[in-house]
Amino acid sequence: MSTEAIAAEKPKRNYNALFGLTLLALLVLLWVILSVSTQSFASANNISNLLRQGSMIAILAVGQTFVIITGGIDLSVGAVVGFATVITAMLINAGVPVFAAILITLLVGVAIGLFHGFGIVRMGLPPF
């Protein structure tokens, strides 16, 4: 009976947490630098404005996450958002009340999404 020494493999390090913490640290550093350099950066109005502007991108990112998880990359999202913005502006300029303009724009966005979904699911088009 012989004994062979089996070299233990070093476990590979998972750097995902390190990358996430690095990005968070850079964000905090940027926040501190901007807060120190300007008086108005840390104000309630500016923080509210930053969160308001980031909310739309966050909603789009959640939708894109689901598309990417299913194996597709939908490049039409930006075009649909731009189209919806133009529709909203045109409706408001035409005198349509804001609530109705938003509702119509949402319905147009849903119709475009259903059309894209039909093409992808029923017709076998790639989600590109």
C-alpha atoms as a PDB file:
ATOM      1  CA  MET A   1       0.000   0.000   0.000  1.00  0.00           C
ATOM      2  CA  SER A   2       1.468   3.327  -1.023  1.00  0.00           C
ATOM      3  CA  THR A   3       0.600   6.727   0.175  1.00  0.00           C
ATOM      4  CA  GLU A   4       0.545   9.501  -2.327  1.00  0.00           C
ATOM      5  CA  ALA A   5       0.479  13.047  -1.300  1.00  0.00           C
ATOM      6  CA  ILE A   6      -2.351  14.821  -2.997  1.00  0.00           C
ATOM      7  CA  ALA A   7      -1.721  18.494  -3.371  1.00  0.00           C
ATOM      8  CA  ALA A   8      -4.608  20.440  -2.032  1.00  0.00           C
ATOM      9  CA  GLU A   9      -5.897  22.919  -4.561  1.00  0.00           C
ATOM     10  CA  LYS A  10      -6.121  26.461  -3.410  1.00  0.00           C
ATOM     11  CA  PRO A  11      -9.677  27.649  -3.479  1.00  0.00           C
ATOM     12  CA  LYS A  12     -10.197  30.387  -6.021  1.00  0.00           C
ATOM     13  CA  ARG A  13     -11.047  33.694  -4.498  1.00  0.00           C
ATOM     14  CA  ASN A  14     -14.380  35.235  -5.254  1.00  0.00           C
ATOM     15  CA  TYR A  15     -13.744  38.862  -6.107  1.00  0.00           C
ATOM     16  CA  ASN A  16     -17.393  39.817  -6.649  1.00  0.00           C
ATOM     17  CA  ALA A  17     -17.764  41.155  -3.122  1.00  0.00           C
ATOM     18  CA  LEU A  18     -14.511  43.082  -3.445  1.00  0.00           C
ATOM     19  CA  PHE A  19     -15.630  44.689  -6.708  1.00  0.00           C
ATOM     20  CA  GLY A  20     -18.993  45.620  -5.169  1.00  0.00           C
ATOM     21  CA  LEU A  21     -17.349  47.145  -2.119  1.00  0.00           C
ATOM     22  CA  THR A  22     -14.877  49.023  -4.317  1.00  0.00           C
ATOM     23  CA  LEU A  23     -17.701  50.603  -6.293  1.00  0.00           C
ATOM     24  CA  LEU A  24     -19.512  51.499  -3.082  1.00  0.00           C
ATOM     25  CA  ALA A  25     -16.322  53.014  -1.642  1.00  0.00           C
ATOM     26  CA  LEU A  26     -15.792  55.077  -4.804  1.00  0.00           C
ATOM     27  CA  LEU A  27     -19.386  56.305  -4.635  1.00  0.00           C
ATOM     28  CA  VAL A  28     -18.986  57.321  -0.989  1.00  0.00           C
ATOM     29  CA  LEU A  29     -15.661  59.020  -1.784  1.00  0.00           C
ATOM     30  CA  LEU A  30     -17.250  60.942  -4.650  1.00  0.00           C
ATOM     31  CA  TRP A  31     -20.146  61.929  -2.378  1.00  0.00           C
ATOM     32  CA  VAL A  32     -17.746  63.239   0.295  1.00  0.00           C
ATOM     33  CA  ILE A  33     -15.616  65.173  -2.204  1.00  0.00           C
ATOM     34  CA  LEU A  34     -18.650  66.824  -3.785  1.00  0.00           C
ATOM     35  CA  SER A  35     -20.187  67.600  -0.394  1.00  0.00           C
ATOM     36  CA  VAL A  36     -17.004  69.318   0.760  1.00  0.00           C
ATOM     37  CA  SER A  37     -16.366  71.184  -2.496  1.00  0.00           C
ATOM     38  CA  THR A  38     -19.845  72.727  -2.858  1.00  0.00           C
ATOM     39  CA  GLN A  39     -22.313  73.988  -0.296  1.00  0.00           C
ATOM     40  CA  SER A  40     -25.447  72.913  -2.155  1.00  0.00           C
ATOM     41  CA  PHE A  41     -24.544  69.291  -2.967  1.00  0.00           C
ATOM     42  CA  ALA A  42     -25.685  67.807   0.346  1.00  0.00           C
ATOM     43  CA  SER A  43     -28.875  69.888   0.476  1.00  0.00           C
ATOM     44  CA  ALA A  44     -32.266  68.212   0.680  1.00  0.00           C
ATOM     45  CA  ASN A  45     -33.336  69.686  -2.662  1.00  0.00           C
ATOM     46  CA  ASN A  46     -30.289  68.321  -4.480  1.00  0.00           C
ATOM     47  CA  ILE A  47     -30.551  64.859  -2.922  1.00  0.00           C
ATOM     48  CA  SER A  48     -34.246  64.752  -3.838  1.00  0.00           C
ATOM     49  CA  ASN A  49     -33.384  65.827  -7.381  1.00  0.00           C
ATOM     50  CA  LEU A  50     -30.676  63.144  -7.702  1.00  0.00           C
ATOM     51  CA  LEU A  51     -33.033  60.422  -6.485  1.00  0.00           C
ATOM     52  CA  ARG A  52     -35.822  61.624  -8.777  1.00  0.00           C
ATOM     53  CA  GLN A  53     -33.546  61.608 -11.817  1.00  0.00           C
ATOM     54  CA  GLY A  54     -32.113  58.193 -10.982  1.00  0.00           C
ATOM     55  CA  SER A  55     -35.497  56.557 -10.427  1.00  0.00           C
ATOM     56  CA  MET A  56     -36.370  56.320 -14.126  1.00  0.00           C
ATOM     57  CA  ILE A  57     -33.027  54.750 -14.980  1.00  0.00           C
ATOM     58  CA  ALA A  58     -33.443  52.314 -12.084  1.00  0.00           C
ATOM     59  CA  ILE A  59     -36.873  51.213 -13.342  1.00  0.00           C
ATOM     60  CA  LEU A  60     -35.482  50.672 -16.843  1.00  0.00           C
ATOM     61  CA  ALA A  61     -32.532  48.757 -15.391  1.00  0.00           C
ATOM     62  CA  VAL A  62     -34.858  46.368 -13.550  1.00  0.00           C
ATOM     63  CA  GLY A  63     -36.733  45.665 -16.783  1.00  0.00           C
ATOM     64  CA  GLN A  64     -33.497  45.142 -18.698  1.00  0.00           C
ATOM     65  CA  THR A  65     -32.282  42.781 -15.967  1.00  0.00           C
ATOM     66  CA  PHE A  66     -35.207  40.450 -16.639  1.00  0.00           C
ATOM     67  CA  VAL A  67     -34.507  40.543 -20.383  1.00  0.00           C
ATOM     68  CA  ILE A  68     -30.818  39.749 -19.863  1.00  0.00           C
ATOM     69  CA  ILE A  69     -31.624  36.922 -17.418  1.00  0.00           C
ATOM     70  CA  THR A  70     -33.769  35.282 -20.106  1.00  0.00           C
ATOM     71  CA  GLY A  71     -30.868  35.395 -22.550  1.00  0.00           C
ATOM     72  CA  GLY A  72     -31.739  38.400 -24.677  1.00  0.00           C
ATOM     73  CA  ILE A  73     -30.587  41.969 -24.986  1.00  0.00           C
ATOM     74  CA  ASP A  74     -33.393  44.362 -25.886  1.00  0.00           C
ATOM     75  CA  LEU A  75     -31.876  47.417 -27.529  1.00  0.00           C
ATOM     76  CA  SER A  76     -35.265  48.985 -28.238  1.00  0.00           C
ATOM     77  CA  VAL A  77     -35.827  50.202 -24.677  1.00  0.00           C
ATOM     78  CA  GLY A  78     -34.101  53.532 -25.259  1.00  0.00           C
ATOM     79  CA  ALA A  79     -36.045  54.107 -28.470  1.00  0.00           C
ATOM     80  CA  VAL A  80     -39.358  53.322 -26.774  1.00  0.00           C
ATOM     81  CA  VAL A  81     -38.552  55.681 -23.891  1.00  0.00           C
ATOM     82  CA  GLY A  82     -37.659  58.431 -26.354  1.00  0.00           C
ATOM     83  CA  PHE A  83     -40.837  57.782 -28.345  1.00  0.00           C
ATOM     84  CA  ALA A  84     -42.949  57.869 -25.178  1.00  0.00           C
ATOM     85  CA  THR A  85     -41.356  61.167 -24.170  1.00  0.00           C
ATOM     86  CA  VAL A  86     -42.184  62.685 -27.558  1.00  0.00           C
ATOM     87  CA  ILE A  87     -45.778  61.421 -27.356  1.00  0.00           C
ATOM     88  CA  THR A  88     -46.208  62.911 -23.883  1.00  0.00           C
ATOM     89  CA  ALA A  89     -44.817  66.274 -24.984  1.00  0.00           C
ATOM     90  CA  MET A  90     -47.020  66.358 -28.093  1.00  0.00           C
ATOM     91  CA  LEU A  91     -50.148  65.484 -26.120  1.00  0.00           C
ATOM     92  CA  ILE A  92     -49.469  68.138 -23.483  1.00  0.00           C
ATOM     93  CA  ASN A  93     -48.755  70.733 -26.199  1.00  0.00           C
ATOM     94  CA  ALA A  94     -52.078  69.791 -27.824  1.00  0.00           C
ATOM     95  CA  GLY A  95     -53.883  70.674 -24.594  1.00  0.00           C
ATOM     96  CA  VAL A  96     -54.526  67.173 -23.281  1.00  0.00           C
ATOM     97  CA  PRO A  97     -54.571  67.105 -19.455  1.00  0.00           C
ATOM     98  CA  VAL A  98     -51.354  65.784 -17.912  1.00  0.00           C
ATOM     99  CA  PHE A  99     -52.984  62.738 -16.304  1.00  0.00           C
ATOM    100  CA  ALA A 100     -54.627  61.728 -19.590  1.00  0.00           C
ATOM    101  CA  ALA A 101     -51.368  62.294 -21.502  1.00  0.00           C
ATOM    102  CA  ILE A 102     -49.487  60.038 -19.085  1.00  0.00           C
ATOM    103  CA  LEU A 103     -52.195  57.372 -19.311  1.00  0.00           C
ATOM    104  CA  ILE A 104     -52.182  57.473 -23.125  1.00  0.00           C
ATOM    105  CA  THR A 105     -48.382  57.294 -23.152  1.00  0.00           C
ATOM    106  CA  LEU A 106     -48.416  54.259 -20.862  1.00  0.00           C
ATOM    107  CA  LEU A 107     -50.956  52.555 -23.122  1.00  0.00           C
ATOM    108  CA  VAL A 108     -48.789  53.254 -26.181  1.00  0.00           C
ATOM    109  CA  GLY A 109     -45.758  51.838 -24.334  1.00  0.00           C
ATOM    110  CA  VAL A 110     -47.714  48.718 -23.383  1.00  0.00           C
ATOM    111  CA  ALA A 111     -48.867  48.315 -27.002  1.00  0.00           C
ATOM    112  CA  ILE A 112     -45.278  48.535 -28.241  1.00  0.00           C
ATOM    113  CA  GLY A 113     -44.198  46.016 -25.596  1.00  0.00           C
ATOM    114  CA  LEU A 114     -46.976  43.616 -26.597  1.00  0.00           C
ATOM    115  CA  PHE A 115     -45.973  43.958 -30.246  1.00  0.00           C
ATOM    116  CA  HIS A 116     -42.346  43.194 -29.393  1.00  0.00           C
ATOM    117  CA  GLY A 117     -43.387  40.315 -27.137  1.00  0.00           C
ATOM    118  CA  PHE A 118     -45.562  38.839 -29.888  1.00  0.00           C
ATOM    119  CA  GLY A 119     -42.695  39.018 -32.349  1.00  0.00           C
ATOM    120  CA  ILE A 120     -40.298  37.358 -29.921  1.00  0.00           C
ATOM    121  CA  VAL A 121     -42.589  34.638 -28.534  1.00  0.00           C
ATOM    122  CA  ARG A 122     -44.883  33.759 -31.430  1.00  0.00           C
ATOM    123  CA  MET A 123     -42.770  34.582 -34.465  1.00  0.00           C
ATOM    124  CA  GLY A 124     -39.437  33.448 -33.035  1.00  0.00           C
ATOM    125  CA  LEU A 125     -37.616  36.732 -33.578  1.00  0.00           C
ATOM    126  CA  PRO A 126     -34.456  37.164 -31.505  1.00  0.00           C
ATOM    127  CA  PRO A 127     -34.886  39.576 -28.575  1.00  0.00           C
ATOM    128  CA  PHE A 128     -32.395  42.047 -29.955  1.00  0.00           C
END
